[in-house]
């Protein structure tokens, strides 16, 4: 398994995901999205794995103005806006090769073992 966790240090779900993998002795790479965001390739791979951009958007993000704007944009523009404002992405994003989850999903991660 090649696990990558994209998240932030202050996100409780990211901390829970890290703990879940540590408890099972599974090595992972933690990427802090405040320091280094997702590349275009990683973003595209996650988008395909989770079923589209809507699954990636954090409706509880603090930037309400940008969230509201995104509702009225075309799909291509929404994708571009989300790449620019990665603080609107739900965390943690856990990748295992081509597979990915958004949010805390231990029931899916168990199937990866």
C-alpha atoms as a PDB file:
ATOM      1  CA  UNK A   1       0.000   0.000   0.000  1.00  0.00           C
ATOM      2  CA  UNK A   2       1.161   3.502  -0.825  1.00  0.00           C
ATOM      3  CA  UNK A   3      -0.957   5.766   1.390  1.00  0.00           C
ATOM      4  CA  UNK A   4      -0.951   9.545   1.140  1.00  0.00           C
ATOM      5  CA  UNK A   5      -3.010  11.694   3.498  1.00  0.00           C
ATOM      6  CA  UNK A   6      -3.761  15.247   2.407  1.00  0.00           C
ATOM      7  CA  UNK A   7      -5.027  17.383   5.253  1.00  0.00           C
ATOM      8  CA  UNK A   8      -4.233  20.105   7.751  1.00  0.00           C
ATOM      9  CA  UNK A   9      -2.759  19.966  11.242  1.00  0.00           C
ATOM     10  CA  UNK A  10      -5.873  21.543  12.762  1.00  0.00           C
ATOM     11  CA  UNK A  11      -8.383  19.167  11.111  1.00  0.00           C
ATOM     12  CA  UNK A  12      -9.738  16.610  13.594  1.00  0.00           C
ATOM     13  CA  UNK A  13     -10.714  14.134  10.859  1.00  0.00           C
ATOM     14  CA  UNK A  14      -7.164  14.289   9.479  1.00  0.00           C
ATOM     15  CA  UNK A  15      -5.797  13.514  12.943  1.00  0.00           C
ATOM     16  CA  UNK A  16      -8.244  10.599  13.256  1.00  0.00           C
ATOM     17  CA  UNK A  17      -7.130   9.255   9.857  1.00  0.00           C
ATOM     18  CA  UNK A  18      -3.456   9.453  10.865  1.00  0.00           C
ATOM     19  CA  UNK A  19      -4.236   7.637  14.110  1.00  0.00           C
ATOM     20  CA  UNK A  20      -6.234   4.950  12.252  1.00  0.00           C
ATOM     21  CA  UNK A  21      -3.276   4.108   9.995  1.00  0.00           C
ATOM     22  CA  UNK A  22      -0.714   4.323  12.839  1.00  0.00           C
ATOM     23  CA  UNK A  23      -2.745   1.900  14.996  1.00  0.00           C
ATOM     24  CA  UNK A  24      -2.631  -0.661  12.180  1.00  0.00           C
ATOM     25  CA  UNK A  25       1.068  -0.163  11.496  1.00  0.00           C
ATOM     26  CA  UNK A  26       0.435   1.137   7.974  1.00  0.00           C
ATOM     27  CA  UNK A  27       3.023   3.609   6.741  1.00  0.00           C
ATOM     28  CA  UNK A  28       1.701   6.774   5.142  1.00  0.00           C
ATOM     29  CA  UNK A  29       2.900  10.095   3.797  1.00  0.00           C
ATOM     30  CA  UNK A  30       1.259  13.167   5.340  1.00  0.00           C
ATOM     31  CA  UNK A  31       0.930  16.239   3.120  1.00  0.00           C
ATOM     32  CA  UNK A  32      -0.121  19.455   4.854  1.00  0.00           C
ATOM     33  CA  UNK A  33      -2.371  21.288   2.408  1.00  0.00           C
ATOM     34  CA  UNK A  34      -1.572  24.653   3.998  1.00  0.00           C
ATOM     35  CA  UNK A  35       2.113  24.224   3.180  1.00  0.00           C
ATOM     36  CA  UNK A  36       1.884  22.290  -0.081  1.00  0.00           C
ATOM     37  CA  UNK A  37      -1.387  21.774  -1.922  1.00  0.00           C
ATOM     38  CA  UNK A  38      -2.328  19.056  -4.361  1.00  0.00           C
ATOM     39  CA  UNK A  39      -0.796  19.016  -7.815  1.00  0.00           C
ATOM     40  CA  UNK A  40      -3.068  19.097 -10.864  1.00  0.00           C
ATOM     41  CA  UNK A  41      -2.455  15.373 -11.449  1.00  0.00           C
ATOM     42  CA  UNK A  42      -3.248  14.433  -7.859  1.00  0.00           C
ATOM     43  CA  UNK A  43      -6.353  16.614  -7.934  1.00  0.00           C
ATOM     44  CA  UNK A  44      -7.575  14.982 -11.149  1.00  0.00           C
ATOM     45  CA  UNK A  45      -6.896  11.479  -9.835  1.00  0.00           C
ATOM     46  CA  UNK A  46      -8.808  12.146  -6.608  1.00  0.00           C
ATOM     47  CA  UNK A  47     -11.682  13.756  -8.511  1.00  0.00           C
ATOM     48  CA  UNK A  48     -12.075  10.640 -10.666  1.00  0.00           C
ATOM     49  CA  UNK A  49     -11.793   8.264  -7.698  1.00  0.00           C
ATOM     50  CA  UNK A  50     -14.429   9.996  -5.552  1.00  0.00           C
ATOM     51  CA  UNK A  51     -16.948  10.574  -8.339  1.00  0.00           C
ATOM     52  CA  UNK A  52     -16.535  14.233  -9.205  1.00  0.00           C
ATOM     53  CA  UNK A  53     -15.856  17.624  -7.787  1.00  0.00           C
ATOM     54  CA  UNK A  54     -19.036  17.846  -5.680  1.00  0.00           C
ATOM     55  CA  UNK A  55     -17.749  15.132  -3.340  1.00  0.00           C
ATOM     56  CA  UNK A  56     -14.575  17.147  -2.725  1.00  0.00           C
ATOM     57  CA  UNK A  57     -16.156  20.470  -1.734  1.00  0.00           C
ATOM     58  CA  UNK A  58     -16.367  21.246   1.977  1.00  0.00           C
ATOM     59  CA  UNK A  59     -19.760  22.905   2.453  1.00  0.00           C
ATOM     60  CA  UNK A  60     -18.694  23.958   5.974  1.00  0.00           C
ATOM     61  CA  UNK A  61     -15.615  25.908   4.817  1.00  0.00           C
ATOM     62  CA  UNK A  62     -15.185  29.384   6.256  1.00  0.00           C
ATOM     63  CA  UNK A  63     -14.975  31.101   2.827  1.00  0.00           C
ATOM     64  CA  UNK A  64     -18.748  31.337   2.298  1.00  0.00           C
ATOM     65  CA  UNK A  65     -18.410  33.898  -0.487  1.00  0.00           C
ATOM     66  CA  UNK A  66     -16.354  31.584  -2.720  1.00  0.00           C
ATOM     67  CA  UNK A  67     -18.590  28.613  -1.858  1.00  0.00           C
ATOM     68  CA  UNK A  68     -21.646  30.568  -2.988  1.00  0.00           C
ATOM     69  CA  UNK A  69     -19.895  31.667  -6.173  1.00  0.00           C
ATOM     70  CA  UNK A  70     -18.979  28.073  -7.015  1.00  0.00           C
ATOM     71  CA  UNK A  71     -22.636  27.059  -7.110  1.00  0.00           C
ATOM     72  CA  UNK A  72     -23.139  29.277 -10.157  1.00  0.00           C
ATOM     73  CA  UNK A  73     -20.005  28.333 -12.119  1.00  0.00           C
ATOM     74  CA  UNK A  74     -19.702  25.752 -14.895  1.00  0.00           C
ATOM     75  CA  UNK A  75     -18.004  22.460 -14.010  1.00  0.00           C
ATOM     76  CA  UNK A  76     -14.699  23.463 -15.623  1.00  0.00           C
ATOM     77  CA  UNK A  77     -14.695  26.825 -13.817  1.00  0.00           C
ATOM     78  CA  UNK A  78     -15.605  25.158 -10.503  1.00  0.00           C
ATOM     79  CA  UNK A  79     -12.681  22.783 -10.886  1.00  0.00           C
ATOM     80  CA  UNK A  80     -10.309  25.669 -11.604  1.00  0.00           C
ATOM     81  CA  UNK A  81     -11.651  27.680  -8.641  1.00  0.00           C
ATOM     82  CA  UNK A  82     -11.259  24.673  -6.311  1.00  0.00           C
ATOM     83  CA  UNK A  83      -7.647  24.184  -7.465  1.00  0.00           C
ATOM     84  CA  UNK A  84      -6.975  27.863  -6.665  1.00  0.00           C
ATOM     85  CA  UNK A  85      -8.727  27.686  -3.269  1.00  0.00           C
ATOM     86  CA  UNK A  86      -7.717  24.309  -1.887  1.00  0.00           C
ATOM     87  CA  UNK A  87      -8.887  25.392   1.566  1.00  0.00           C
ATOM     88  CA  UNK A  88     -12.397  24.585   0.253  1.00  0.00           C
ATOM     89  CA  UNK A  89     -11.540  20.891  -0.175  1.00  0.00           C
ATOM     90  CA  UNK A  90     -12.917  18.471   2.416  1.00  0.00           C
ATOM     91  CA  UNK A  91     -10.168  16.786   4.399  1.00  0.00           C
ATOM     92  CA  UNK A  92      -8.647  14.335   4.849  1.00  0.00           C
ATOM     93  CA  UNK A  93      -8.106  13.074   1.337  1.00  0.00           C
ATOM     94  CA  UNK A  94      -6.573   9.620   1.574  1.00  0.00           C
ATOM     95  CA  UNK A  95      -5.012   8.156  -1.575  1.00  0.00           C
ATOM     96  CA  UNK A  96      -3.909   4.616  -2.243  1.00  0.00           C
ATOM     97  CA  UNK A  97      -2.689   4.569  -5.836  1.00  0.00           C
ATOM     98  CA  UNK A  98      -5.723   5.243  -8.038  1.00  0.00           C
ATOM     99  CA  UNK A  99      -8.153   4.806  -5.123  1.00  0.00           C
ATOM    100  CA  UNK A 100      -9.084   7.746  -2.913  1.00  0.00           C
ATOM    101  CA  UNK A 101     -11.510   8.854  -0.224  1.00  0.00           C
ATOM    102  CA  UNK A 102     -12.592  12.263   1.002  1.00  0.00           C
ATOM    103  CA  UNK A 103     -13.337  12.614   4.705  1.00  0.00           C
ATOM    104  CA  UNK A 104     -12.929  10.035   7.467  1.00  0.00           C
ATOM    105  CA  UNK A 105     -13.782   6.660   5.853  1.00  0.00           C
ATOM    106  CA  UNK A 106     -12.268   3.744   7.831  1.00  0.00           C
ATOM    107  CA  UNK A 107     -14.794   1.291   6.348  1.00  0.00           C
ATOM    108  CA  UNK A 108     -13.281   1.921   2.886  1.00  0.00           C
ATOM    109  CA  UNK A 109      -9.672   1.864   4.119  1.00  0.00           C
ATOM    110  CA  UNK A 110     -10.216  -1.583   5.689  1.00  0.00           C
ATOM    111  CA  UNK A 111     -10.978  -2.958   2.216  1.00  0.00           C
ATOM    112  CA  UNK A 112      -7.616  -1.654   0.953  1.00  0.00           C
ATOM    113  CA  UNK A 113      -5.623  -3.855   3.378  1.00  0.00           C
END
